[in-house]
Amino acid sequence: MTESTQEPPRPGSIKATQAAAEIRNLRRWYYDRVKNAKQDNEFIAWSMEGAPLEIFFAFDVLPVLAENFAPICAAKQVSPYFCEKAEAEGFSIDVCSYQKVGIGYAIALHQQGDIPPEAPYGGMGKPDMMIAPTHICDGRYKYLQATCRYVDVPYYPYEVQDMPYDVLDRKDEEERKRYVEHYYDQLKGVVAFLEKITGKKYNPDRLSETLYYWLQAHAYFHDAAELRKCRPSPLPSQDSFAVCMPNLTFKGTKEAADYYKRLYQEVKHRADNKIGSVKGEERYRIFWWGLPPWHNLAIFNYLEDHGICTLDNLYDPGEIPEGIDFSDPLRAIADIFYSCYIFAGGLFKRRGERGIINFLRDYELDGIVTLLTTTCRITTGTLHTRRVIEELSGLPVLNLEADMTDTRTWSDAHIKMRLDAFMETVENSKRRREQSRET
């Protein structure tokens, strides 16, 4: 790679697939739906990723997640405005920027009495409730609790237990079922809360319908993600980080299921016809480990300009397991959660050392780039994992440090200078591996 520190920043990324380019329209469609919720007799719930959105939609409740809105603000270069709103109220600069954007939005909503004009796509709307899961990090429920200072609506936290990896490794089905039963009881509480706020009764047939759409979307999304193994890869990271939006925001809808069917068909066509995203030869494959810089996804196109395809495993929902009993849709949701979606081959399992090593092998990767997102609590756990992965894989690793949404932490020239130097290391490492195989 050549020195290019004088290149001006390009916050937007050029998508390889039509499906990824389509996300902009889907995003606008969904946030317009949020904006018109009241007149359409729908409710708005602020929540966080991992919440049972298919249950929300069964009650005509539209979820709005900080994990989606904050990246939008980052892409539009307005995330510092909302972060600074929160910091002015005493929230630390070290608080998760996803959550600071959400808090800052709530503060602006409270101060102005209406949707802040700085909010892209009409913003997160005015919530009728807040529903807070406790898994992944403590900020997921504390953020919404803190937001209630500025938006006075009912708040409902519910407990989600993190299942240790060794339960899966031991194949301890009885232990796994205890986690499922606990989560099932917690979901009953979510249903009771939604009944109270919306005035609607739980309808298992309606929930079965939204679950059916989610499973369709889930399967198509996973099948499309699996095709990234092909050479050249038909779905690079800048597209992968875009197409996750429906599964994060409106899974459980026909629109999400139809979208992922189109995604799979397009990616399958590209794979069958060896259509990649890199112009010319795909020289290297780099694993992007962790969250992307949502404020500058153009960094992936910068890498592609030098023959580098970037792949990730963050949002692939995993394979739907067999043997799930769908006669009780609420219990099925709990079973799936601990069978594939979050645990058991899902988010946490893929982030573990073994899952990453398997990914590096299966996708024939040449190096690893980690974005140590400065305000993300989970990132602290990746420091040890990174050292283990580097030792076990023998691949070169580059650690970049910047926030996922706060543009104040990013230096385009510095990041590109470090990537340039790293790719020289990757090239030398690949050459040595090839020579070793020949001998």
Protein backbone atom coordinates (compact mmCIF):
# COMPACT_ATOMS: atom_id res chain seq x y z
CA MET A 1 0.00 0.00 0.00
CA THR A 2 1.17 3.52 -0.71
CA GLU A 3 1.28 6.48 1.60
CA SER A 4 -1.97 8.44 1.38
CA THR A 5 -2.20 10.56 4.49
CA GLN A 6 -3.25 13.58 2.44
CA GLU A 7 -6.42 11.92 1.20
CA PRO A 8 -9.51 13.74 2.53
CA PRO A 9 -11.92 11.74 4.69
CA ARG A 10 -14.76 9.95 2.90
CA PRO A 11 -17.33 9.13 5.61
CA GLY A 12 -19.66 7.17 3.30
CA SER A 13 -18.82 3.77 1.85
CA ILE A 14 -19.44 2.48 -1.65
CA LYS A 15 -21.55 -0.65 -1.43
CA ALA A 16 -20.85 -3.73 -3.52
CA THR A 17 -24.40 -5.10 -3.45
CA GLN A 18 -27.75 -3.63 -4.37
CA ALA A 19 -29.17 -5.09 -1.15
CA ALA A 20 -26.76 -3.02 0.95
CA ALA A 21 -27.54 0.12 -1.05
CA GLU A 22 -31.25 -0.56 -0.45
CA ILE A 23 -30.83 -0.22 3.31
CA ARG A 24 -31.05 3.56 3.09
CA ASN A 25 -34.62 3.31 1.80
CA LEU A 26 -35.57 0.67 4.36
CA ARG A 27 -34.13 2.81 7.14
CA ARG A 28 -36.19 5.78 6.01
CA TRP A 29 -39.29 3.59 5.72
CA TYR A 30 -38.90 2.34 9.28
CA TYR A 31 -38.17 5.70 10.88
CA ASP A 32 -41.11 7.20 8.99
CA ARG A 33 -43.20 4.44 10.53
CA VAL A 34 -41.87 5.44 13.96
CA LYS A 35 -42.68 9.08 13.23
CA ASN A 36 -46.27 8.18 12.28
CA ALA A 37 -46.79 5.59 15.03
CA LYS A 38 -49.43 7.51 16.95
CA GLN A 39 -51.70 8.12 13.97
CA ASP A 40 -51.30 4.46 12.94
CA ASN A 41 -52.31 3.24 16.43
CA GLU A 42 -48.85 1.85 17.11
CA PHE A 43 -46.65 2.29 20.15
CA ILE A 44 -42.94 3.10 20.46
CA ALA A 45 -40.60 1.28 22.83
CA TRP A 46 -37.01 2.32 23.33
CA SER A 47 -34.92 -0.78 23.93
CA MET A 48 -31.57 -2.40 23.13
CA GLU A 49 -30.35 -5.11 20.75
CA GLY A 50 -31.19 -8.64 21.87
CA ALA A 51 -34.65 -7.70 23.12
CA PRO A 52 -37.43 -9.99 21.80
CA LEU A 53 -38.58 -7.68 19.01
CA GLU A 54 -40.92 -10.32 17.57
CA ILE A 55 -42.95 -9.99 20.81
CA PHE A 56 -43.00 -6.20 20.43
CA PHE A 57 -44.40 -6.42 16.91
CA ALA A 58 -47.04 -8.90 18.06
CA PHE A 59 -48.37 -6.04 20.23
CA ASP A 60 -48.00 -3.36 17.50
CA VAL A 61 -45.05 -1.88 19.36
CA LEU A 62 -42.21 -0.43 17.27
CA PRO A 63 -38.78 -0.91 18.83
CA VAL A 64 -36.21 1.87 18.53
CA LEU A 65 -32.69 0.86 19.50
CA ALA A 66 -29.71 3.01 20.38
CA GLU A 67 -27.51 0.49 18.56
CA ASN A 68 -29.19 1.54 15.32
CA PHE A 69 -29.86 5.22 15.90
CA ALA A 70 -26.35 6.05 17.15
CA PRO A 71 -24.65 4.58 14.04
CA ILE A 72 -27.05 6.61 11.88
CA CYS A 73 -26.03 9.75 13.79
CA ALA A 74 -22.40 8.75 13.31
CA ALA A 75 -22.84 8.28 9.57
CA LYS A 76 -24.48 11.70 9.39
CA GLN A 77 -21.61 13.17 11.48
CA VAL A 78 -23.95 14.44 14.23
CA SER A 79 -23.13 11.94 17.00
CA PRO A 80 -20.86 14.45 18.84
CA TYR A 81 -23.83 16.79 19.23
CA PHE A 82 -25.83 14.22 21.21
CA CYS A 83 -22.76 12.90 23.07
CA GLU A 84 -21.96 16.43 24.22
CA LYS A 85 -25.57 16.91 25.36
CA ALA A 86 -25.15 13.90 27.64
CA GLU A 87 -21.69 14.95 28.82
CA ALA A 88 -23.00 18.41 29.72
CA GLU A 89 -25.42 16.67 32.08
CA GLY A 90 -22.56 14.91 33.84
CA PHE A 91 -22.38 11.62 31.96
CA SER A 92 -18.77 10.54 31.56
CA ILE A 93 -16.96 10.73 28.26
CA ASP A 94 -16.18 7.04 28.85
CA VAL A 95 -19.85 5.98 28.77
CA CYS A 96 -20.81 3.90 25.72
CA SER A 97 -21.37 6.31 22.85
CA TYR A 98 -24.40 4.31 21.66
CA GLN A 99 -26.01 5.09 24.98
CA LYS A 100 -24.73 8.66 25.17
CA VAL A 101 -26.33 9.41 21.82
CA GLY A 102 -29.61 7.96 23.13
CA ILE A 103 -29.38 9.95 26.36
CA GLY A 104 -28.39 13.10 24.47
CA TYR A 105 -31.38 12.67 22.18
CA ALA A 106 -33.67 12.31 25.22
CA ILE A 107 -32.17 15.46 26.76
CA ALA A 108 -32.69 17.43 23.55
CA LEU A 109 -36.26 16.07 23.30
CA HIS A 110 -36.90 17.21 26.88
CA GLN A 111 -35.33 20.64 26.43
CA GLN A 112 -36.99 21.44 23.11
CA GLY A 113 -40.31 19.70 23.77
CA ASP A 114 -40.21 18.10 20.35
CA ILE A 115 -38.04 15.98 18.06
CA PRO A 116 -34.64 17.71 17.85
CA PRO A 117 -34.02 18.94 14.31
CA GLU A 118 -30.47 17.55 14.44
CA ALA A 119 -31.86 13.97 14.58
CA PRO A 120 -31.52 12.08 11.27
CA TYR A 121 -34.62 10.47 9.75
CA GLY A 122 -36.89 12.16 12.28
CA GLY A 123 -35.12 10.61 15.24
CA MET A 124 -36.11 7.98 17.77
CA GLY A 125 -39.63 9.37 18.15
CA LYS A 126 -41.34 9.98 21.49
CA PRO A 127 -41.44 6.68 23.39
CA ASP A 128 -44.45 5.22 25.15
CA MET A 129 -42.29 2.84 27.19
CA MET A 130 -38.76 1.57 27.75
CA ILE A 131 -37.91 -2.13 27.90
CA ALA A 132 -34.40 -2.98 29.06
CA PRO A 133 -32.65 -6.37 28.79
CA THR A 134 -29.70 -7.02 31.11
CA HIS A 135 -27.45 -9.23 28.98
CA ILE A 136 -24.17 -8.27 27.28
CA CYS A 137 -23.44 -5.15 29.40
CA ASP A 138 -24.87 -3.26 32.36
CA GLY A 139 -25.28 -0.11 30.30
CA ARG A 140 -28.12 -1.74 28.39
CA TYR A 141 -30.56 -1.30 31.25
CA LYS A 142 -28.86 1.57 33.11
CA TYR A 143 -28.95 3.72 29.97
CA LEU A 144 -32.71 3.46 29.68
CA GLN A 145 -33.14 3.93 33.41
CA ALA A 146 -31.09 7.14 33.23
CA THR A 147 -33.06 8.29 30.18
CA CYS A 148 -36.25 8.22 32.27
CA ARG A 149 -34.97 11.40 33.97
CA TYR A 150 -35.78 13.23 30.74
CA VAL A 151 -38.60 11.16 29.24
CA ASP A 152 -41.16 10.17 31.85
CA VAL A 153 -42.58 6.87 30.57
CA PRO A 154 -42.96 3.39 32.10
CA TYR A 155 -39.66 1.53 32.40
CA TYR A 156 -39.38 -2.27 32.50
CA PRO A 157 -36.06 -4.07 33.03
CA TYR A 158 -35.92 -7.85 32.79
CA GLU A 159 -33.15 -10.28 33.60
CA VAL A 160 -31.24 -12.28 31.01
CA GLN A 161 -28.61 -14.66 32.32
CA ASP A 162 -25.36 -15.04 30.41
CA MET A 163 -24.80 -18.74 29.82
CA PRO A 164 -21.14 -19.81 30.22
CA TYR A 165 -19.46 -21.40 27.22
CA ASP A 166 -18.66 -24.57 29.16
CA VAL A 167 -22.35 -25.44 29.40
CA LEU A 168 -22.28 -25.85 25.62
CA ASP A 169 -18.87 -27.49 25.58
CA ARG A 170 -20.05 -30.13 28.05
CA LYS A 171 -23.24 -30.52 26.00
CA ASP A 172 -25.13 -30.20 29.27
CA GLU A 173 -28.68 -30.05 27.94
CA GLU A 174 -30.28 -30.01 31.40
CA GLU A 175 -28.20 -27.01 32.41
CA ARG A 176 -29.09 -25.21 29.17
CA LYS A 177 -32.77 -25.87 29.80
CA ARG A 178 -32.53 -24.13 33.18
CA TYR A 179 -31.39 -20.98 31.37
CA VAL A 180 -34.22 -21.38 28.86
CA GLU A 181 -36.82 -21.76 31.62
CA HIS A 182 -35.56 -18.68 33.45
CA TYR A 183 -35.68 -16.61 30.26
CA TYR A 184 -39.14 -17.99 29.46
CA ASP A 185 -40.38 -16.69 32.82
CA GLN A 186 -38.79 -13.30 32.12
CA LEU A 187 -40.50 -13.13 28.72
CA LYS A 188 -43.83 -13.73 30.43
CA GLY A 189 -43.10 -10.59 32.42
CA VAL A 190 -42.39 -8.66 29.21
CA VAL A 191 -45.71 -9.87 27.79
CA ALA A 192 -47.58 -8.78 30.94
CA PHE A 193 -45.96 -5.35 30.76
CA LEU A 194 -46.90 -4.95 27.10
CA GLU A 195 -50.48 -6.01 27.86
CA LYS A 196 -50.68 -3.35 30.56
CA ILE A 197 -49.22 -0.51 28.47
CA THR A 198 -50.94 -1.28 25.16
CA GLY A 199 -54.24 -2.55 26.54
CA LYS A 200 -53.99 -5.53 24.19
CA LYS A 201 -54.13 -9.21 25.11
CA TYR A 202 -51.36 -11.63 24.27
CA ASN A 203 -52.24 -13.46 21.07
CA PRO A 204 -50.04 -16.56 20.52
CA ASP A 205 -51.17 -16.79 16.89
CA ARG A 206 -49.96 -13.25 16.23
CA LEU A 207 -46.68 -14.04 17.95
CA SER A 208 -46.33 -17.21 15.87
CA GLU A 209 -46.69 -15.05 12.75
CA THR A 210 -43.96 -12.59 13.78
CA LEU A 211 -41.73 -15.49 14.87
CA TYR A 212 -42.25 -17.15 11.50
CA TYR A 213 -41.08 -14.01 9.70
CA TRP A 214 -38.08 -13.70 11.99
CA LEU A 215 -37.04 -17.30 11.34
CA GLN A 216 -37.33 -16.73 7.60
CA ALA A 217 -35.16 -13.62 7.83
CA HIS A 218 -32.74 -15.39 10.15
CA ALA A 219 -32.23 -18.33 7.78
CA TYR A 220 -31.77 -16.19 4.65
CA PHE A 221 -29.36 -13.86 6.47
CA HIS A 222 -27.23 -16.75 7.76
CA ASP A 223 -27.17 -18.47 4.36
CA ALA A 224 -26.05 -15.24 2.70
CA ALA A 225 -23.34 -14.75 5.33
CA GLU A 226 -22.03 -18.29 4.74
CA LEU A 227 -21.44 -17.47 1.07
CA ARG A 228 -18.74 -15.00 2.07
CA LYS A 229 -16.37 -17.99 2.15
CA CYS A 230 -16.39 -17.98 -1.66
CA ARG A 231 -13.50 -16.43 -3.57
CA PRO A 232 -13.86 -13.65 -4.41
CA SER A 233 -16.12 -12.85 -1.48
CA PRO A 234 -19.52 -11.60 -2.65
CA LEU A 235 -20.37 -9.73 0.58
CA PRO A 236 -17.61 -7.52 2.06
CA SER A 237 -17.70 -5.90 5.48
CA GLN A 238 -18.99 -2.51 4.37
CA ASP A 239 -22.06 -4.33 3.01
CA SER A 240 -22.28 -6.77 5.91
CA PHE A 241 -22.38 -3.91 8.40
CA ALA A 242 -25.21 -2.30 6.42
CA VAL A 243 -27.44 -5.34 5.86
CA CYS A 244 -27.63 -6.20 9.57
CA MET A 245 -30.05 -3.31 10.16
CA PRO A 246 -33.40 -5.11 9.55
CA ASN A 247 -32.41 -8.03 11.81
CA LEU A 248 -31.44 -5.60 14.56
CA THR A 249 -34.39 -3.24 14.20
CA PHE A 250 -37.48 -4.86 12.71
CA LYS A 251 -37.01 -8.61 12.76
CA GLY A 252 -40.36 -10.30 13.03
CA THR A 253 -41.83 -8.39 10.08
CA LYS A 254 -42.60 -9.48 6.55
CA GLU A 255 -40.48 -6.61 5.28
CA ALA A 256 -37.39 -8.04 7.02
CA ALA A 257 -38.06 -11.57 5.71
CA ASP A 258 -38.54 -10.30 2.15
CA TYR A 259 -35.40 -8.19 2.39
CA TYR A 260 -33.15 -11.07 3.48
CA LYS A 261 -34.56 -13.26 0.74
CA ARG A 262 -33.49 -10.62 -1.79
CA LEU A 263 -30.10 -10.35 -0.09
CA TYR A 264 -29.53 -14.11 -0.27
CA GLN A 265 -30.57 -14.30 -3.92
CA GLU A 266 -28.22 -11.47 -4.87
CA VAL A 267 -25.26 -12.82 -2.88
CA LYS A 268 -25.85 -16.33 -4.27
CA HIS A 269 -25.81 -14.91 -7.81
CA ARG A 270 -22.59 -13.04 -7.09
CA ALA A 271 -20.98 -16.14 -5.57
CA ASP A 272 -22.02 -18.39 -8.46
CA ASN A 273 -20.64 -15.91 -10.98
CA LYS A 274 -17.49 -15.08 -8.98
CA ILE A 275 -18.41 -11.43 -8.59
CA GLY A 276 -16.43 -9.85 -5.78
CA SER A 277 -16.23 -6.36 -4.38
CA VAL A 278 -12.52 -5.80 -5.01
CA LYS A 279 -11.67 -4.38 -8.41
CA GLY A 280 -9.22 -6.76 -9.99
CA GLU A 281 -7.66 -9.51 -7.90
CA GLU A 282 -8.67 -10.16 -4.28
CA ARG A 283 -5.10 -10.23 -2.96
CA TYR A 284 -5.71 -10.44 0.78
CA ARG A 285 -8.53 -11.19 3.19
CA ILE A 286 -8.58 -9.34 6.47
CA PHE A 287 -10.78 -10.17 9.46
CA TRP A 288 -12.36 -7.05 10.94
CA TRP A 289 -12.94 -8.06 14.52
CA GLY A 290 -15.57 -6.12 16.44
CA LEU A 291 -17.59 -3.02 15.76
CA PRO A 292 -16.83 -0.81 12.76
CA PRO A 293 -16.29 2.96 12.77
CA TRP A 294 -19.84 3.83 11.76
CA HIS A 295 -18.77 7.42 11.12
CA ASN A 296 -16.25 6.37 8.47
CA LEU A 297 -17.17 3.11 6.75
CA ALA A 298 -15.24 4.42 3.76
CA ILE A 299 -12.17 2.91 5.40
CA PHE A 300 -13.28 -0.45 3.96
CA ASN A 301 -13.32 0.99 0.45
CA TYR A 302 -9.85 2.37 1.08
CA LEU A 303 -8.68 -1.16 1.81
CA GLU A 304 -10.44 -2.52 -1.27
CA ASP A 305 -8.63 0.01 -3.43
CA HIS A 306 -5.50 -1.95 -2.50
CA GLY A 307 -6.89 -5.41 -3.24
CA ILE A 308 -8.01 -6.17 0.31
CA CYS A 309 -11.37 -7.74 1.09
CA THR A 310 -12.52 -7.30 4.69
CA LEU A 311 -14.76 -9.87 6.36
CA ASP A 312 -16.43 -9.92 9.77
CA ASN A 313 -18.56 -12.26 11.88
CA LEU A 314 -20.37 -9.82 14.14
CA TYR A 315 -23.97 -9.88 12.92
CA ASP A 316 -24.39 -13.31 11.31
CA PRO A 317 -27.29 -14.72 13.40
CA GLY A 318 -26.10 -18.33 13.17
CA GLU A 319 -27.86 -21.45 12.02
CA ILE A 320 -31.37 -22.23 13.28
CA PRO A 321 -31.09 -25.43 15.34
CA GLU A 322 -33.30 -28.44 14.86
CA GLY A 323 -35.68 -29.71 17.50
CA ILE A 324 -37.24 -26.39 18.56
CA ASP A 325 -40.87 -26.84 19.66
CA PHE A 326 -42.93 -24.04 18.12
CA SER A 327 -46.25 -25.04 19.68
CA ASP A 328 -45.60 -22.41 22.36
CA PRO A 329 -44.04 -19.46 20.46
CA LEU A 330 -42.96 -17.68 23.65
CA ARG A 331 -41.01 -20.71 24.86
CA ALA A 332 -39.60 -21.18 21.34
CA ILE A 333 -38.13 -17.66 21.49
CA ALA A 334 -36.41 -18.50 24.77
CA ASP A 335 -35.13 -21.79 23.34
CA ILE A 336 -33.74 -20.13 20.20
CA PHE A 337 -32.03 -17.44 22.29
CA TYR A 338 -29.95 -20.06 24.09
CA SER A 339 -29.59 -22.32 21.05
CA CYS A 340 -28.19 -20.04 18.37
CA TYR A 341 -29.11 -16.38 18.41
CA ILE A 342 -26.99 -14.97 21.26
CA PHE A 343 -25.34 -18.02 22.73
CA ALA A 344 -24.62 -21.49 21.27
CA GLY A 345 -23.05 -20.49 17.97
CA GLY A 346 -24.53 -17.02 18.11
CA LEU A 347 -22.99 -13.69 19.09
CA PHE A 348 -20.98 -14.71 22.17
CA LYS A 349 -19.84 -18.07 20.84
CA ARG A 350 -18.56 -16.46 17.62
CA ARG A 351 -16.68 -13.86 19.65
CA GLY A 352 -14.93 -16.49 21.75
CA GLU A 353 -11.43 -17.64 20.95
CA ARG A 354 -12.51 -20.95 19.43
CA GLY A 355 -15.16 -19.32 17.24
CA ILE A 356 -12.70 -16.77 15.89
CA ILE A 357 -10.03 -19.38 15.18
CA ASN A 358 -12.61 -21.42 13.23
CA PHE A 359 -13.62 -18.30 11.31
CA LEU A 360 -10.03 -17.47 10.42
CA ARG A 361 -9.52 -21.01 9.12
CA ASP A 362 -12.80 -21.40 7.25
CA TYR A 363 -12.54 -18.02 5.54
CA GLU A 364 -8.81 -18.33 4.77
CA LEU A 365 -7.89 -14.97 6.27
CA ASP A 366 -4.48 -13.31 6.12
CA GLY A 367 -4.61 -10.91 9.05
CA ILE A 368 -6.75 -9.36 11.75
CA VAL A 369 -7.74 -5.75 12.44
CA THR A 370 -9.40 -4.98 15.76
CA LEU A 371 -11.09 -1.70 16.53
CA LEU A 372 -10.66 -1.21 20.26
CA THR A 373 -13.79 0.89 20.66
CA THR A 374 -12.90 3.20 23.48
CA THR A 375 -16.33 3.44 25.14
CA CYS A 376 -17.53 -0.16 24.67
CA ARG A 377 -17.34 -2.26 27.83
CA ILE A 378 -17.14 -5.50 25.85
CA THR A 379 -13.97 -4.32 24.14
CA THR A 380 -12.06 -4.66 27.41
CA GLY A 381 -12.68 -8.41 27.25
CA THR A 382 -11.22 -8.64 23.76
CA LEU A 383 -7.76 -7.60 24.89
CA HIS A 384 -6.99 -11.01 26.36
CA THR A 385 -8.78 -12.82 23.54
CA ARG A 386 -6.75 -10.87 20.98
CA ARG A 387 -3.48 -12.02 22.52
CA VAL A 388 -4.64 -15.64 22.50
CA ILE A 389 -5.89 -15.39 18.91
CA GLU A 390 -2.61 -13.87 17.73
CA GLU A 391 -0.67 -16.71 19.38
CA LEU A 392 -2.90 -19.52 18.12
CA SER A 393 -3.43 -18.25 14.58
CA GLY A 394 0.05 -16.98 13.83
CA LEU A 395 -1.54 -14.15 11.83
CA PRO A 396 -0.51 -10.50 12.15
CA VAL A 397 -2.86 -8.35 14.23
CA LEU A 398 -3.37 -4.59 14.12
CA ASN A 399 -5.13 -2.80 16.98
CA LEU A 400 -6.77 0.46 16.08
CA GLU A 401 -8.25 2.67 18.76
CA ALA A 402 -11.28 4.84 18.11
CA ASP A 403 -14.91 5.00 19.11
CA MET A 404 -17.60 3.30 17.04
CA THR A 405 -19.84 6.39 16.75
CA ASP A 406 -18.08 9.40 18.27
CA THR A 407 -16.34 11.14 15.38
CA ARG A 408 -14.16 13.12 17.82
CA THR A 409 -11.94 10.05 18.33
CA TRP A 410 -11.05 9.42 14.66
CA SER A 411 -7.99 10.57 12.74
CA ASP A 412 -8.33 9.51 9.12
CA ALA A 413 -4.69 10.19 8.24
CA HIS A 414 -3.36 8.35 11.30
CA ILE A 415 -5.61 5.31 10.76
CA LYS A 416 -4.63 4.99 7.10
CA MET A 417 -0.95 5.38 7.90
CA ARG A 418 -1.19 2.48 10.37
CA LEU A 419 -3.14 0.35 7.88
CA ASP A 420 -0.52 1.00 5.20
CA ALA A 421 2.24 -0.24 7.49
CA PHE A 422 0.18 -3.22 8.66
CA MET A 423 -0.50 -4.43 5.13
CA GLU A 424 3.22 -4.65 4.48
CA THR A 425 3.37 -7.01 7.47
CA VAL A 426 0.41 -8.99 6.10
CA GLU A 427 2.11 -9.32 2.72
CA ASN A 428 5.34 -10.59 4.29
CA SER A 429 3.42 -12.98 6.56
CA LYS A 430 1.47 -14.45 3.65
CA ARG A 431 4.64 -14.89 1.62
CA ARG A 432 6.30 -16.80 4.47
CA ARG A 433 3.27 -19.07 4.90
CA GLU A 434 3.23 -19.85 1.19
CA GLN A 435 6.93 -20.63 1.19
CA SER A 436 6.47 -22.85 4.23
CA ARG A 437 3.74 -24.85 2.48
CA GLU A 438 5.91 -25.30 -0.61
CA THR A 439 8.77 -26.76 1.44
